[in-house]
Amino acid sequence: MTDADRIELVRAAYRAYEERDRDLIEQVMGEGLTFFAPPDPGIDRAEYFERCWPNGAHIKKFEFERLSEVGDEVLVTYEATRTAGTRFRNTEIFGFEGGKISQVEVYFGWEPE
């Protein structure tokens, strides 16, 4: 898998949230997905779609501050705009296996002014 392929998979995941495209997000997330965030430490793919995917209904747009390949991972920092107009900032690290996203680590808590 090339650097460009990994970056495009990650861009597609964010686009799926912006467009509420469940088929697209399911295509890029591998069957063995493991998702890590403070309230969701190490959940599997099924639980990710149950707990995390519905939260995307409140996201209107992502603006990337960082989007780069670091070794075999992709590092992303973004500011997102909610449908209500408020914003938040997260950093996420994506791992890959078999041409799909296999792991996501989310670090959050910033609310830009």
Protein backbone atom coordinates (compact mmCIF):
# COMPACT_ATOMS: atom_id res chain seq x y z
CA MET A 1 0.00 0.00 0.00
CA THR A 2 1.45 3.38 -0.94
CA ASP A 3 1.47 6.54 1.16
CA ALA A 4 -1.09 8.06 -1.22
CA ASP A 5 -3.38 5.04 -0.78
CA ARG A 6 -3.32 5.40 3.02
CA ILE A 7 -3.97 9.14 2.85
CA GLU A 8 -6.87 8.56 0.44
CA LEU A 9 -8.42 5.91 2.72
CA VAL A 10 -8.31 8.38 5.62
CA ARG A 11 -9.75 11.20 3.50
CA ALA A 12 -12.55 8.83 2.44
CA ALA A 13 -13.35 8.05 6.10
CA TYR A 14 -13.79 11.75 6.90
CA ARG A 15 -15.77 12.30 3.70
CA ALA A 16 -18.10 9.48 4.76
CA TYR A 17 -18.86 11.39 7.97
CA GLU A 18 -19.43 14.66 6.12
CA GLU A 19 -21.75 12.98 3.60
CA ARG A 20 -23.30 10.51 6.08
CA ASP A 21 -22.27 7.71 3.72
CA ARG A 22 -22.42 4.49 5.72
CA ASP A 23 -21.47 2.35 2.71
CA LEU A 24 -18.26 4.33 2.19
CA ILE A 25 -17.16 4.16 5.84
CA GLU A 26 -17.82 0.41 5.89
CA GLN A 27 -15.66 0.00 2.77
CA VAL A 28 -12.61 1.71 4.30
CA MET A 29 -12.82 0.22 7.81
CA GLY A 30 -11.42 -3.30 8.00
CA GLU A 31 -13.31 -6.20 9.58
CA GLY A 32 -10.75 -6.39 12.40
CA LEU A 33 -10.99 -2.69 13.25
CA THR A 34 -9.98 -1.66 16.78
CA PHE A 35 -10.94 1.85 17.91
CA PHE A 36 -9.40 3.68 20.86
CA ALA A 37 -10.67 6.88 22.50
CA PRO A 38 -10.96 7.79 26.19
CA PRO A 39 -14.60 6.68 26.48
CA ASP A 40 -14.10 3.75 24.06
CA PRO A 41 -10.81 1.96 24.87
CA GLY A 42 -10.26 -0.78 22.31
CA ILE A 43 -13.76 -1.36 20.95
CA ASP A 44 -14.30 -3.56 17.91
CA ARG A 45 -15.85 -2.70 14.54
CA ALA A 46 -19.42 -3.59 15.52
CA GLU A 47 -19.29 -1.45 18.65
CA TYR A 48 -17.63 1.38 16.70
CA PHE A 49 -20.61 1.48 14.32
CA GLU A 50 -23.03 1.25 17.23
CA ARG A 51 -21.42 3.90 19.46
CA CYS A 52 -19.34 6.23 17.26
CA TRP A 53 -20.92 6.38 13.80
CA PRO A 54 -24.19 7.96 15.06
CA ASN A 55 -22.22 10.91 16.52
CA GLY A 56 -21.24 11.88 12.98
CA ALA A 57 -24.75 13.15 12.34
CA HIS A 58 -23.70 16.30 14.20
CA ILE A 59 -20.63 16.98 12.04
CA LYS A 60 -20.85 19.26 9.05
CA LYS A 61 -17.24 19.67 7.94
CA PHE A 62 -13.62 18.71 8.66
CA GLU A 63 -10.66 21.02 8.03
CA PHE A 64 -7.29 19.29 8.17
CA GLU A 65 -4.47 20.96 10.09
CA ARG A 66 -2.20 17.91 9.66
CA LEU A 67 -2.61 14.94 7.36
CA SER A 68 0.61 13.04 6.93
CA GLU A 69 2.17 9.62 6.75
CA VAL A 70 4.31 8.71 9.77
CA GLY A 71 5.89 5.32 9.19
CA ASP A 72 3.05 2.92 8.40
CA GLU A 73 0.43 5.16 10.04
CA VAL A 74 -1.40 8.34 9.09
CA LEU A 75 -1.51 11.22 11.57
CA VAL A 76 -4.41 13.65 11.34
CA THR A 77 -5.25 16.79 13.28
CA TYR A 78 -8.45 18.51 12.27
CA GLU A 79 -10.93 21.13 13.30
CA ALA A 80 -14.50 20.04 12.75
CA THR A 81 -17.60 22.16 12.50
CA ARG A 82 -20.76 20.77 14.05
CA THR A 83 -24.14 21.29 12.39
CA ALA A 84 -24.94 23.68 15.25
CA GLY A 85 -21.95 25.83 14.23
CA THR A 86 -19.63 25.07 17.17
CA ARG A 87 -16.17 23.66 16.50
CA PHE A 88 -13.81 21.11 18.05
CA ARG A 89 -10.27 19.90 17.41
CA ASN A 90 -9.02 16.29 17.49
CA THR A 91 -5.89 14.37 16.61
CA GLU A 92 -6.22 10.82 15.29
CA ILE A 93 -3.75 8.11 14.32
CA PHE A 94 -4.75 5.50 11.75
CA GLY A 95 -3.21 2.04 11.29
CA PHE A 96 -3.73 -0.21 8.26
CA GLU A 97 -3.94 -3.87 7.37
CA GLY A 98 -5.01 -5.55 4.15
CA GLY A 99 -5.61 -2.26 2.34
CA LYS A 100 -8.09 -0.97 4.93
CA ILE A 101 -8.10 1.02 8.16
CA SER A 102 -7.48 -1.45 10.99
CA GLN A 103 -6.91 0.82 13.99
CA VAL A 104 -7.89 4.33 15.04
CA GLU A 105 -6.62 6.20 18.11
CA VAL A 106 -8.45 9.44 18.94
CA TYR A 107 -7.13 12.23 21.17
CA PHE A 108 -9.57 15.04 21.86
CA GLY A 109 -10.63 17.81 24.17
CA TRP A 110 -9.73 21.02 22.33
CA GLU A 111 -12.40 23.59 21.58
CA PRO A 112 -10.98 26.32 19.34
CA GLU A 113 -11.96 29.90 20.00
